[in-house]
């Protein structure tokens, strides 16, 4: 990561999700992360500016059962972009986002972080935040050259709505957190029943 930043590299970020993530299995056109890598690399090779890199960041909870690094580097070689692909097993996500030209996700929560950092974003699967004004709504092939930053006023309104209409205070780890969550859920149901 430090070499990227020191070299002022121009790069796009592809944060990987877990193969078993229900967001991949149920809410995306892909069956595996390998399919995501193939699709993104094919588009990057054919359409991204030649002076840009693609940084693939492994999921922090990846178990290593699937060797995503090996697959990504093999795919990069096959698509003729091996010298333009970097694979990271770690790295400070906010810093990577701050310097990225754009971010490609399937439907990861990293997409919300990309929006928070004002980065151009495309979601290749179903994502709550995938809407005009927040994400690139056109083809991935065009994203590399024509994407633009999200509308931050819309993002602020979207975030406010999500926080106030879908989130409940509390947790599952402490008695006080559980009590807080139960009270909030009961109030939410009573209000909805109205």
N, C-alpha and C. Protein backbone atom coordinates (compact mmCIF):
# COMPACT_ATOMS: atom_id res chain seq x y z
N UNK A 1 0.82 -1.19 0.00
CA UNK A 1 0.00 0.00 0.00
C UNK A 1 0.87 1.26 0.00
N UNK A 2 1.95 1.22 0.77
CA UNK A 2 2.80 2.41 0.88
C UNK A 2 3.44 2.76 -0.45
N UNK A 3 3.80 1.73 -1.24
CA UNK A 3 4.40 2.00 -2.56
C UNK A 3 3.40 2.71 -3.47
N UNK A 4 2.14 2.29 -3.40
CA UNK A 4 1.09 2.93 -4.22
C UNK A 4 1.01 4.42 -3.90
N UNK A 5 0.95 4.71 -2.62
CA UNK A 5 0.78 6.10 -2.20
C UNK A 5 2.04 6.91 -2.47
N UNK A 6 3.20 6.32 -2.22
CA UNK A 6 4.46 7.04 -2.45
C UNK A 6 4.66 7.35 -3.93
N UNK A 7 4.18 6.47 -4.79
CA UNK A 7 4.33 6.67 -6.24
C UNK A 7 3.21 7.53 -6.82
N UNK A 8 2.29 7.99 -5.98
CA UNK A 8 1.13 8.74 -6.47
C UNK A 8 0.39 7.97 -7.56
N UNK A 9 0.28 6.66 -7.36
CA UNK A 9 -0.34 5.79 -8.36
C UNK A 9 -1.80 6.16 -8.57
N UNK A 10 -2.21 6.10 -9.82
CA UNK A 10 -3.62 6.29 -10.19
C UNK A 10 -4.25 4.90 -10.22
N UNK A 11 -5.20 4.66 -9.32
CA UNK A 11 -5.74 3.31 -9.23
C UNK A 11 -7.23 3.29 -8.92
N UNK A 12 -7.83 2.17 -9.32
CA UNK A 12 -9.20 1.83 -8.95
C UNK A 12 -9.11 0.74 -7.90
N UNK A 13 -10.10 0.69 -7.02
CA UNK A 13 -10.09 -0.28 -5.93
C UNK A 13 -11.20 -1.30 -6.12
N UNK A 14 -10.84 -2.58 -5.99
CA UNK A 14 -11.80 -3.68 -6.00
C UNK A 14 -11.69 -4.42 -4.67
N UNK A 15 -12.52 -4.06 -3.67
CA UNK A 15 -12.50 -4.78 -2.40
C UNK A 15 -13.30 -6.08 -2.55
N UNK A 16 -12.69 -7.19 -2.18
CA UNK A 16 -13.36 -8.48 -2.31
C UNK A 16 -14.30 -8.73 -1.15
N UNK A 17 -15.34 -9.49 -1.43
CA UNK A 17 -16.26 -9.96 -0.41
C UNK A 17 -15.96 -11.44 -0.17
N UNK A 18 -16.61 -12.02 0.81
CA UNK A 18 -16.42 -13.43 1.10
C UNK A 18 -17.25 -14.27 0.14
N UNK A 19 -16.72 -15.41 -0.29
CA UNK A 19 -17.45 -16.31 -1.18
C UNK A 19 -18.79 -16.72 -0.59
N UNK A 20 -18.82 -16.89 0.73
CA UNK A 20 -20.03 -17.37 1.39
C UNK A 20 -21.00 -16.25 1.77
N UNK A 21 -20.64 -15.02 1.51
CA UNK A 21 -21.48 -13.87 1.85
C UNK A 21 -22.83 -14.00 1.15
N UNK A 22 -23.91 -13.93 1.91
CA UNK A 22 -25.24 -14.04 1.29
C UNK A 22 -25.48 -12.92 0.30
N UNK A 23 -24.79 -11.82 0.45
CA UNK A 23 -24.92 -10.73 -0.52
C UNK A 23 -24.40 -11.17 -1.89
N UNK A 24 -23.41 -12.04 -1.93
CA UNK A 24 -22.91 -12.59 -3.19
C UNK A 24 -23.86 -13.69 -3.67
N UNK A 25 -24.18 -14.61 -2.79
CA UNK A 25 -24.97 -15.78 -3.16
C UNK A 25 -26.39 -15.42 -3.58
N UNK A 26 -27.03 -14.48 -2.89
CA UNK A 26 -28.44 -14.18 -3.13
C UNK A 26 -28.66 -12.89 -3.91
N UNK A 27 -27.83 -11.88 -3.69
CA UNK A 27 -28.10 -10.55 -4.24
C UNK A 27 -27.10 -10.10 -5.29
N UNK A 28 -26.58 -11.05 -6.06
CA UNK A 28 -25.66 -10.66 -7.12
C UNK A 28 -25.78 -11.62 -8.29
N UNK A 29 -25.30 -11.21 -9.44
CA UNK A 29 -25.33 -12.11 -10.60
C UNK A 29 -24.16 -13.11 -10.60
N UNK A 30 -23.36 -13.10 -9.55
CA UNK A 30 -22.16 -13.95 -9.48
C UNK A 30 -22.37 -15.09 -8.49
N UNK A 31 -21.74 -16.23 -8.79
CA UNK A 31 -21.77 -17.37 -7.87
C UNK A 31 -20.56 -17.39 -6.95
N UNK A 32 -19.46 -16.81 -7.42
CA UNK A 32 -18.21 -16.82 -6.66
C UNK A 32 -17.47 -15.50 -6.84
N UNK A 33 -16.54 -15.25 -5.96
CA UNK A 33 -15.68 -14.08 -6.09
C UNK A 33 -14.79 -14.21 -7.32
N UNK A 34 -14.43 -15.43 -7.68
CA UNK A 34 -13.62 -15.63 -8.89
C UNK A 34 -14.33 -15.09 -10.12
N UNK A 35 -15.65 -15.25 -10.18
CA UNK A 35 -16.42 -14.70 -11.30
C UNK A 35 -16.38 -13.18 -11.30
N UNK A 36 -16.43 -12.59 -10.12
CA UNK A 36 -16.33 -11.13 -10.01
C UNK A 36 -14.98 -10.67 -10.56
N UNK A 37 -13.92 -11.32 -10.12
CA UNK A 37 -12.57 -10.96 -10.57
C UNK A 37 -12.47 -11.06 -12.09
N UNK A 38 -12.96 -12.14 -12.67
CA UNK A 38 -12.91 -12.32 -14.12
C UNK A 38 -13.65 -11.19 -14.84
N UNK A 39 -14.84 -10.86 -14.38
CA UNK A 39 -15.64 -9.81 -15.02
C UNK A 39 -14.94 -8.46 -14.93
N UNK A 40 -14.45 -8.12 -13.76
CA UNK A 40 -13.82 -6.81 -13.55
C UNK A 40 -12.50 -6.73 -14.32
N UNK A 41 -11.70 -7.77 -14.28
CA UNK A 41 -10.42 -7.75 -14.99
C UNK A 41 -10.62 -7.64 -16.50
N UNK A 42 -11.60 -8.34 -17.04
CA UNK A 42 -11.87 -8.27 -18.49
C UNK A 42 -12.21 -6.84 -18.89
N UNK A 43 -13.04 -6.19 -18.11
CA UNK A 43 -13.43 -4.81 -18.41
C UNK A 43 -12.25 -3.86 -18.21
N UNK A 44 -11.53 -4.02 -17.11
CA UNK A 44 -10.38 -3.17 -16.83
C UNK A 44 -9.35 -3.26 -17.95
N UNK A 45 -9.06 -4.48 -18.40
CA UNK A 45 -8.06 -4.69 -19.46
C UNK A 45 -8.46 -3.98 -20.75
N UNK A 46 -9.73 -4.02 -21.08
CA UNK A 46 -10.19 -3.48 -22.36
C UNK A 46 -10.52 -1.99 -22.32
N UNK A 47 -10.87 -1.46 -21.15
CA UNK A 47 -11.46 -0.11 -21.14
C UNK A 47 -10.83 0.90 -20.18
N UNK A 48 -10.08 0.46 -19.20
CA UNK A 48 -9.50 1.42 -18.25
C UNK A 48 -8.31 2.13 -18.89
N UNK A 49 -8.08 3.39 -18.51
CA UNK A 49 -6.91 4.10 -19.03
C UNK A 49 -5.63 3.30 -18.76
N UNK A 50 -4.73 3.28 -19.73
CA UNK A 50 -3.53 2.45 -19.66
C UNK A 50 -2.60 2.84 -18.51
N UNK A 51 -2.72 4.06 -18.00
CA UNK A 51 -1.83 4.50 -16.92
C UNK A 51 -2.41 4.25 -15.54
N UNK A 52 -3.47 3.44 -15.46
CA UNK A 52 -4.10 3.18 -14.17
C UNK A 52 -3.85 1.76 -13.71
N UNK A 53 -3.94 1.58 -12.40
CA UNK A 53 -3.79 0.27 -11.76
C UNK A 53 -5.14 -0.18 -11.23
N UNK A 54 -5.24 -1.47 -10.98
CA UNK A 54 -6.40 -2.04 -10.28
C UNK A 54 -5.87 -2.67 -9.00
N UNK A 55 -6.30 -2.13 -7.87
CA UNK A 55 -5.88 -2.64 -6.57
C UNK A 55 -6.99 -3.54 -6.05
N UNK A 56 -6.66 -4.80 -5.85
CA UNK A 56 -7.60 -5.78 -5.32
C UNK A 56 -7.28 -5.96 -3.85
N UNK A 57 -8.27 -5.67 -3.00
CA UNK A 57 -8.06 -5.79 -1.55
C UNK A 57 -8.85 -6.98 -1.04
N UNK A 58 -8.15 -7.92 -0.45
CA UNK A 58 -8.80 -9.10 0.10
C UNK A 58 -9.67 -8.72 1.29
N UNK A 59 -10.72 -9.51 1.53
CA UNK A 59 -11.60 -9.27 2.67
C UNK A 59 -10.83 -9.55 3.96
N UNK A 60 -10.95 -8.69 4.97
CA UNK A 60 -10.18 -8.89 6.21
C UNK A 60 -10.52 -10.18 6.95
N UNK A 61 -11.70 -10.74 6.73
CA UNK A 61 -12.08 -11.98 7.41
C UNK A 61 -11.92 -13.21 6.53
N UNK A 62 -11.28 -13.06 5.38
CA UNK A 62 -11.10 -14.20 4.48
C UNK A 62 -10.28 -15.29 5.17
N UNK A 63 -10.76 -16.52 5.09
CA UNK A 63 -10.11 -17.65 5.78
C UNK A 63 -8.91 -18.21 5.04
N UNK A 64 -8.76 -17.87 3.78
CA UNK A 64 -7.65 -18.40 3.00
C UNK A 64 -7.95 -19.74 2.36
N UNK A 65 -9.16 -20.27 2.54
CA UNK A 65 -9.51 -21.55 1.91
C UNK A 65 -9.48 -21.44 0.39
N UNK A 66 -9.89 -20.29 -0.12
CA UNK A 66 -9.77 -20.00 -1.55
C UNK A 66 -8.61 -19.02 -1.70
N UNK A 67 -7.67 -19.34 -2.56
CA UNK A 67 -6.50 -18.49 -2.74
C UNK A 67 -6.82 -17.38 -3.74
N UNK A 68 -7.43 -16.31 -3.24
CA UNK A 68 -7.84 -15.21 -4.11
C UNK A 68 -6.65 -14.51 -4.76
N UNK A 69 -5.54 -14.42 -4.05
CA UNK A 69 -4.34 -13.79 -4.62
C UNK A 69 -3.90 -14.57 -5.86
N UNK A 70 -3.78 -15.88 -5.72
CA UNK A 70 -3.34 -16.71 -6.84
C UNK A 70 -4.30 -16.56 -8.03
N UNK A 71 -5.59 -16.63 -7.73
CA UNK A 71 -6.57 -16.52 -8.81
C UNK A 71 -6.50 -15.14 -9.47
N UNK A 72 -6.40 -14.09 -8.67
CA UNK A 72 -6.36 -12.73 -9.22
C UNK A 72 -5.13 -12.54 -10.10
N UNK A 73 -3.98 -13.01 -9.65
CA UNK A 73 -2.76 -12.84 -10.44
C UNK A 73 -2.80 -13.69 -11.72
N UNK A 74 -3.40 -14.86 -11.63
CA UNK A 74 -3.57 -15.70 -12.83
C UNK A 74 -4.49 -15.00 -13.82
N UNK A 75 -5.60 -14.47 -13.34
CA UNK A 75 -6.53 -13.75 -14.22
C UNK A 75 -5.87 -12.51 -14.82
N UNK A 76 -5.09 -11.81 -14.01
CA UNK A 76 -4.40 -10.61 -14.51
C UNK A 76 -3.44 -10.99 -15.63
N UNK A 77 -2.74 -12.09 -15.45
CA UNK A 77 -1.82 -12.56 -16.50
C UNK A 77 -2.60 -12.90 -17.77
N UNK A 78 -3.71 -13.62 -17.61
CA UNK A 78 -4.51 -14.02 -18.77
C UNK A 78 -5.09 -12.82 -19.51
N UNK A 79 -5.45 -11.77 -18.80
CA UNK A 79 -6.02 -10.57 -19.43
C UNK A 79 -4.95 -9.57 -19.83
N UNK A 80 -3.68 -9.89 -19.60
CA UNK A 80 -2.59 -9.02 -20.04
C UNK A 80 -2.40 -7.77 -19.20
N UNK A 81 -2.83 -7.83 -17.93
CA UNK A 81 -2.71 -6.65 -17.06
C UNK A 81 -1.95 -6.96 -15.77
N UNK A 82 -1.13 -7.99 -15.80
CA UNK A 82 -0.41 -8.39 -14.58
C UNK A 82 0.39 -7.24 -13.99
N UNK A 83 1.04 -6.45 -14.84
CA UNK A 83 1.85 -5.33 -14.34
C UNK A 83 0.99 -4.18 -13.81
N UNK A 84 -0.33 -4.24 -14.05
CA UNK A 84 -1.22 -3.16 -13.61
C UNK A 84 -2.12 -3.56 -12.44
N UNK A 85 -1.93 -4.76 -11.91
CA UNK A 85 -2.76 -5.25 -10.80
C UNK A 85 -1.91 -5.39 -9.55
N UNK A 86 -2.46 -4.92 -8.44
CA UNK A 86 -1.82 -5.09 -7.13
C UNK A 86 -2.82 -5.80 -6.22
N UNK A 87 -2.36 -6.78 -5.47
CA UNK A 87 -3.22 -7.51 -4.55
C UNK A 87 -2.77 -7.21 -3.13
N UNK A 88 -3.70 -6.77 -2.31
CA UNK A 88 -3.40 -6.43 -0.91
C UNK A 88 -4.16 -7.36 0.03
N UNK A 89 -3.46 -7.91 1.01
CA UNK A 89 -4.12 -8.69 2.05
C UNK A 89 -4.53 -7.81 3.23
N UNK A 90 -4.10 -6.59 3.23
CA UNK A 90 -4.44 -5.66 4.30
C UNK A 90 -4.36 -4.25 3.78
N UNK A 91 -4.27 -3.33 4.68
CA UNK A 91 -4.19 -1.93 4.29
C UNK A 91 -5.32 -1.14 4.92
N UNK A 92 -5.06 0.11 5.17
CA UNK A 92 -6.02 1.00 5.80
C UNK A 92 -7.05 1.44 4.77
N UNK A 93 -8.27 0.90 4.88
CA UNK A 93 -9.30 1.14 3.88
C UNK A 93 -9.59 2.63 3.66
N UNK A 94 -9.77 3.44 4.70
CA UNK A 94 -10.03 4.86 4.44
C UNK A 94 -8.94 5.54 3.60
N UNK A 95 -7.69 5.18 3.85
CA UNK A 95 -6.60 5.76 3.06
C UNK A 95 -6.67 5.28 1.62
N UNK A 96 -6.93 3.99 1.42
CA UNK A 96 -7.07 3.47 0.06
C UNK A 96 -8.22 4.17 -0.67
N UNK A 97 -9.32 4.38 0.02
CA UNK A 97 -10.47 5.05 -0.59
C UNK A 97 -10.16 6.50 -0.93
N UNK A 98 -9.48 7.19 -0.03
CA UNK A 98 -9.15 8.60 -0.26
C UNK A 98 -8.37 8.82 -1.54
N UNK A 99 -7.55 7.84 -1.92
CA UNK A 99 -6.67 8.01 -3.08
C UNK A 99 -7.16 7.30 -4.34
N UNK A 100 -8.24 6.54 -4.25
CA UNK A 100 -8.74 5.78 -5.39
C UNK A 100 -9.44 6.68 -6.40
N UNK A 101 -9.26 6.37 -7.68
CA UNK A 101 -10.00 7.06 -8.74
C UNK A 101 -11.46 6.64 -8.74
N UNK A 102 -11.72 5.43 -8.30
CA UNK A 102 -13.07 4.88 -8.25
C UNK A 102 -13.05 3.53 -7.56
N UNK A 103 -14.23 3.04 -7.21
CA UNK A 103 -14.35 1.80 -6.46
C UNK A 103 -15.39 0.91 -7.15
N UNK A 104 -15.03 -0.37 -7.31
CA UNK A 104 -15.93 -1.36 -7.90
C UNK A 104 -16.27 -2.37 -6.81
N UNK A 105 -17.56 -2.49 -6.50
CA UNK A 105 -18.01 -3.47 -5.51
C UNK A 105 -19.12 -4.31 -6.15
N UNK A 106 -19.42 -5.42 -5.52
CA UNK A 106 -20.63 -6.14 -5.90
C UNK A 106 -21.78 -5.48 -5.14
N UNK A 107 -21.73 -5.54 -3.84
CA UNK A 107 -22.72 -4.88 -2.99
C UNK A 107 -22.22 -4.77 -1.56
N UNK A 108 -20.93 -4.69 -1.41
CA UNK A 108 -20.27 -4.65 -0.11
C UNK A 108 -20.62 -3.37 0.66
N UNK A 109 -20.53 -3.46 1.98
CA UNK A 109 -20.67 -2.26 2.79
C UNK A 109 -19.52 -1.29 2.54
N UNK A 110 -18.45 -1.76 1.91
CA UNK A 110 -17.38 -0.84 1.50
C UNK A 110 -17.94 0.22 0.55
N UNK A 111 -19.00 -0.12 -0.16
CA UNK A 111 -19.64 0.87 -1.02
C UNK A 111 -20.10 2.09 -0.24
N UNK A 112 -20.65 1.88 0.94
CA UNK A 112 -21.06 3.01 1.78
C UNK A 112 -19.85 3.84 2.19
N UNK A 113 -18.74 3.17 2.49
CA UNK A 113 -17.52 3.90 2.83
C UNK A 113 -17.00 4.69 1.64
N UNK A 114 -17.08 4.10 0.45
CA UNK A 114 -16.65 4.81 -0.76
C UNK A 114 -17.48 6.07 -0.96
N UNK A 115 -18.78 5.96 -0.73
CA UNK A 115 -19.65 7.14 -0.84
C UNK A 115 -19.26 8.19 0.19
N UNK A 116 -19.02 7.74 1.42
CA UNK A 116 -18.61 8.65 2.50
C UNK A 116 -17.35 9.42 2.11
N UNK A 117 -16.46 8.76 1.36
CA UNK A 117 -15.20 9.40 0.93
C UNK A 117 -15.35 10.12 -0.40
N UNK A 118 -16.57 10.16 -0.94
CA UNK A 118 -16.81 10.89 -2.18
C UNK A 118 -16.20 10.26 -3.42
N UNK A 119 -16.02 8.94 -3.40
CA UNK A 119 -15.38 8.25 -4.52
C UNK A 119 -16.42 7.79 -5.54
N UNK A 120 -16.10 7.89 -6.83
CA UNK A 120 -16.96 7.28 -7.84
C UNK A 120 -17.11 5.79 -7.53
N UNK A 121 -18.33 5.28 -7.69
CA UNK A 121 -18.64 3.92 -7.25
C UNK A 121 -19.58 3.24 -8.23
N UNK A 122 -19.32 1.96 -8.49
CA UNK A 122 -20.26 1.12 -9.22
C UNK A 122 -20.53 -0.12 -8.40
N UNK A 123 -21.80 -0.51 -8.31
CA UNK A 123 -22.20 -1.74 -7.63
C UNK A 123 -22.67 -2.73 -8.69
N UNK A 124 -22.01 -3.87 -8.77
CA UNK A 124 -22.33 -4.87 -9.78
C UNK A 124 -23.46 -5.80 -9.37
N UNK A 125 -23.91 -5.70 -8.13
CA UNK A 125 -25.02 -6.51 -7.63
C UNK A 125 -26.09 -5.59 -7.07
N UNK A 126 -27.05 -6.18 -6.39
CA UNK A 126 -28.11 -5.40 -5.75
C UNK A 126 -27.57 -4.82 -4.45
N UNK A 127 -27.64 -3.50 -4.33
CA UNK A 127 -27.17 -2.82 -3.13
C UNK A 127 -28.15 -1.71 -2.78
N UNK A 128 -28.41 -1.53 -1.52
CA UNK A 128 -29.35 -0.52 -1.06
C UNK A 128 -28.95 0.88 -1.53
N UNK A 129 -27.67 1.11 -1.71
CA UNK A 129 -27.17 2.43 -2.09
C UNK A 129 -26.99 2.60 -3.59
N UNK A 130 -27.32 1.58 -4.38
CA UNK A 130 -27.13 1.67 -5.83
C UNK A 130 -28.29 2.43 -6.46
N UNK A 131 -28.08 3.73 -6.64
CA UNK A 131 -29.12 4.58 -7.23
C UNK A 131 -28.47 5.75 -7.95
N UNK A 132 -29.21 6.30 -8.89
CA UNK A 132 -28.73 7.46 -9.64
C UNK A 132 -28.34 8.56 -8.66
N UNK A 133 -27.21 9.15 -8.91
CA UNK A 133 -26.71 10.22 -8.04
C UNK A 133 -25.70 9.73 -7.02
N UNK A 134 -25.79 8.44 -6.68
CA UNK A 134 -24.83 7.88 -5.72
C UNK A 134 -23.83 6.96 -6.41
N UNK A 135 -24.32 6.12 -7.32
CA UNK A 135 -23.44 5.16 -8.00
C UNK A 135 -23.56 5.30 -9.51
N UNK A 136 -22.56 4.83 -10.21
CA UNK A 136 -22.56 4.80 -11.67
C UNK A 136 -23.65 3.82 -12.11
N UNK A 137 -24.57 4.29 -12.92
CA UNK A 137 -25.72 3.49 -13.31
C UNK A 137 -25.59 2.89 -14.71
N UNK A 138 -24.43 3.04 -15.30
CA UNK A 138 -24.21 2.55 -16.65
C UNK A 138 -23.28 1.34 -16.61
N UNK A 139 -22.79 0.93 -17.75
CA UNK A 139 -21.97 -0.27 -17.87
C UNK A 139 -20.61 -0.11 -17.20
N UNK A 140 -20.11 -1.22 -16.68
CA UNK A 140 -18.78 -1.23 -16.08
C UNK A 140 -17.72 -0.76 -17.07
N UNK A 141 -17.86 -1.14 -18.33
CA UNK A 141 -16.87 -0.75 -19.34
C UNK A 141 -16.70 0.76 -19.44
N UNK A 142 -17.75 1.51 -19.18
CA UNK A 142 -17.69 2.98 -19.24
C UNK A 142 -17.25 3.61 -17.92
N UNK A 143 -17.40 2.86 -16.84
CA UNK A 143 -17.07 3.38 -15.51
C UNK A 143 -15.64 3.89 -15.43
N UNK A 144 -14.71 3.16 -16.01
CA UNK A 144 -13.29 3.48 -15.90
C UNK A 144 -12.96 4.87 -16.43
N UNK A 145 -13.67 5.35 -17.40
CA UNK A 145 -13.35 6.64 -18.03
C UNK A 145 -14.35 7.76 -17.73
N UNK A 146 -15.57 7.39 -17.43
CA UNK A 146 -16.62 8.42 -17.38
C UNK A 146 -17.32 8.57 -16.04
N UNK A 147 -16.97 7.77 -15.06
CA UNK A 147 -17.66 7.86 -13.77
C UNK A 147 -17.39 9.20 -13.10
N UNK A 148 -18.22 9.53 -12.14
CA UNK A 148 -18.08 10.80 -11.43
C UNK A 148 -18.39 10.60 -9.96
N UNK A 149 -17.99 11.57 -9.18
CA UNK A 149 -18.20 11.50 -7.73
C UNK A 149 -19.69 11.50 -7.42
N UNK A 150 -20.07 10.92 -6.30
CA UNK A 150 -21.47 10.92 -5.90
C UNK A 150 -21.94 12.32 -5.50
N UNK A 151 -23.22 12.51 -5.56
CA UNK A 151 -23.85 13.74 -5.08
C UNK A 151 -23.87 13.66 -3.55
N UNK A 152 -23.04 14.45 -2.90
CA UNK A 152 -22.88 14.33 -1.45
C UNK A 152 -24.11 14.84 -0.68
N UNK A 153 -24.89 15.72 -1.26
CA UNK A 153 -26.14 16.14 -0.61
C UNK A 153 -27.12 14.97 -0.61
N UNK A 154 -27.21 14.27 -1.75
CA UNK A 154 -28.06 13.09 -1.82
C UNK A 154 -27.56 12.01 -0.86
N UNK A 155 -26.23 11.83 -0.80
CA UNK A 155 -25.67 10.83 0.11
C UNK A 155 -26.04 11.16 1.55
N UNK A 156 -25.94 12.41 1.93
CA UNK A 156 -26.28 12.81 3.30
C UNK A 156 -27.75 12.52 3.60
N UNK A 157 -28.63 12.83 2.66
CA UNK A 157 -30.06 12.56 2.84
C UNK A 157 -30.33 11.06 2.91
N UNK A 158 -29.66 10.30 2.04
CA UNK A 158 -29.80 8.85 2.03
C UNK A 158 -29.36 8.26 3.36
N UNK A 159 -28.19 8.67 3.83
CA UNK A 159 -27.66 8.15 5.09
C UNK A 159 -28.58 8.50 6.25
N UNK A 160 -29.07 9.72 6.27
CA UNK A 160 -30.00 10.14 7.32
C UNK A 160 -31.25 9.26 7.32
N UNK A 161 -31.79 8.99 6.13
CA UNK A 161 -32.98 8.15 6.03
C UNK A 161 -32.70 6.74 6.54
N UNK A 162 -31.60 6.16 6.08
CA UNK A 162 -31.26 4.79 6.48
C UNK A 162 -31.07 4.69 7.99
N UNK A 163 -30.34 5.63 8.55
CA UNK A 163 -30.07 5.60 9.99
C UNK A 163 -31.37 5.71 10.79
N UNK A 164 -32.27 6.58 10.37
CA UNK A 164 -33.48 6.82 11.15
C UNK A 164 -34.63 5.86 10.86
N UNK A 165 -34.55 5.10 9.77
CA UNK A 165 -35.65 4.21 9.42
C UNK A 165 -35.29 2.72 9.42
N UNK A 166 -34.03 2.41 9.52
CA UNK A 166 -33.66 0.98 9.48
C UNK A 166 -32.78 0.55 10.64
N UNK A 167 -32.29 1.47 11.43
CA UNK A 167 -31.36 1.12 12.50
C UNK A 167 -32.04 1.24 13.86
N UNK A 168 -31.63 0.38 14.77
CA UNK A 168 -32.15 0.39 16.13
C UNK A 168 -30.96 0.34 17.08
N UNK A 169 -30.97 1.20 18.09
CA UNK A 169 -29.89 1.20 19.08
C UNK A 169 -29.93 -0.08 19.91
N UNK A 170 -28.76 -0.55 20.26
CA UNK A 170 -28.64 -1.73 21.10
C UNK A 170 -27.56 -2.65 20.57
N UNK A 171 -27.42 -3.79 21.24
CA UNK A 171 -26.47 -4.80 20.78
C UNK A 171 -26.89 -6.17 21.31
N UNK A 172 -26.16 -7.18 20.91
CA UNK A 172 -26.45 -8.55 21.33
C UNK A 172 -25.45 -9.06 22.36
N UNK A 173 -24.61 -8.18 22.88
CA UNK A 173 -23.46 -8.63 23.66
C UNK A 173 -23.54 -8.30 25.14
N UNK A 174 -24.39 -7.36 25.51
CA UNK A 174 -24.50 -6.98 26.92
C UNK A 174 -25.97 -6.96 27.32
N UNK A 175 -26.24 -7.14 28.61
CA UNK A 175 -27.62 -7.10 29.07
C UNK A 175 -28.26 -5.74 28.80
N UNK A 176 -27.51 -4.67 29.04
CA UNK A 176 -28.08 -3.34 28.80
C UNK A 176 -28.30 -3.12 27.30
N UNK A 177 -27.40 -3.62 26.46
CA UNK A 177 -27.57 -3.48 25.02
C UNK A 177 -28.75 -4.27 24.50
N UNK A 178 -28.94 -5.47 25.03
CA UNK A 178 -30.09 -6.30 24.63
C UNK A 178 -31.38 -5.64 25.07
N UNK A 179 -31.42 -5.12 26.28
CA UNK A 179 -32.62 -4.45 26.79
C UNK A 179 -32.94 -3.23 25.91
N UNK A 180 -31.92 -2.45 25.60
CA UNK A 180 -32.10 -1.27 24.75
C UNK A 180 -32.66 -1.68 23.38
N UNK A 181 -32.13 -2.74 22.81
CA UNK A 181 -32.59 -3.21 21.50
C UNK A 181 -34.04 -3.69 21.56
N UNK A 182 -34.37 -4.47 22.59
CA UNK A 182 -35.74 -4.97 22.73
C UNK A 182 -36.73 -3.82 22.87
N UNK A 183 -36.41 -2.86 23.73
CA UNK A 183 -37.30 -1.70 23.91
C UNK A 183 -37.50 -0.95 22.59
N UNK A 184 -36.42 -0.77 21.83
CA UNK A 184 -36.51 -0.04 20.57
C UNK A 184 -37.31 -0.82 19.53
N UNK A 185 -37.15 -2.14 19.49
CA UNK A 185 -37.91 -2.97 18.55
C UNK A 185 -39.40 -2.92 18.89
N UNK A 186 -39.73 -3.05 20.16
CA UNK A 186 -41.13 -2.99 20.58
C UNK A 186 -41.74 -1.65 20.18
N UNK A 187 -41.04 -0.54 20.45
CA UNK A 187 -41.53 0.78 20.06
C UNK A 187 -41.73 0.88 18.55
N UNK A 188 -40.78 0.34 17.79
CA UNK A 188 -40.87 0.38 16.33
C UNK A 188 -42.10 -0.40 15.85
N UNK A 189 -42.34 -1.59 16.42
CA UNK A 189 -43.51 -2.39 16.02
C UNK A 189 -44.81 -1.72 16.43
N UNK A 190 -44.85 -1.15 17.63
CA UNK A 190 -46.05 -0.45 18.08
C UNK A 190 -46.36 0.74 17.17
N UNK A 191 -45.34 1.46 16.78
CA UNK A 191 -45.51 2.61 15.89
C UNK A 191 -46.01 2.16 14.52
N UNK A 192 -45.49 1.05 14.02
CA UNK A 192 -45.89 0.54 12.71
C UNK A 192 -47.31 0.00 12.74
N UNK A 193 -47.70 -0.56 13.90
CA UNK A 193 -49.04 -1.15 14.04
C UNK A 193 -50.09 -0.06 14.16
N UNK A 194 -49.66 1.09 14.63
CA UNK A 194 -50.34 2.26 14.80
C UNK A 194 -51.64 2.61 15.09
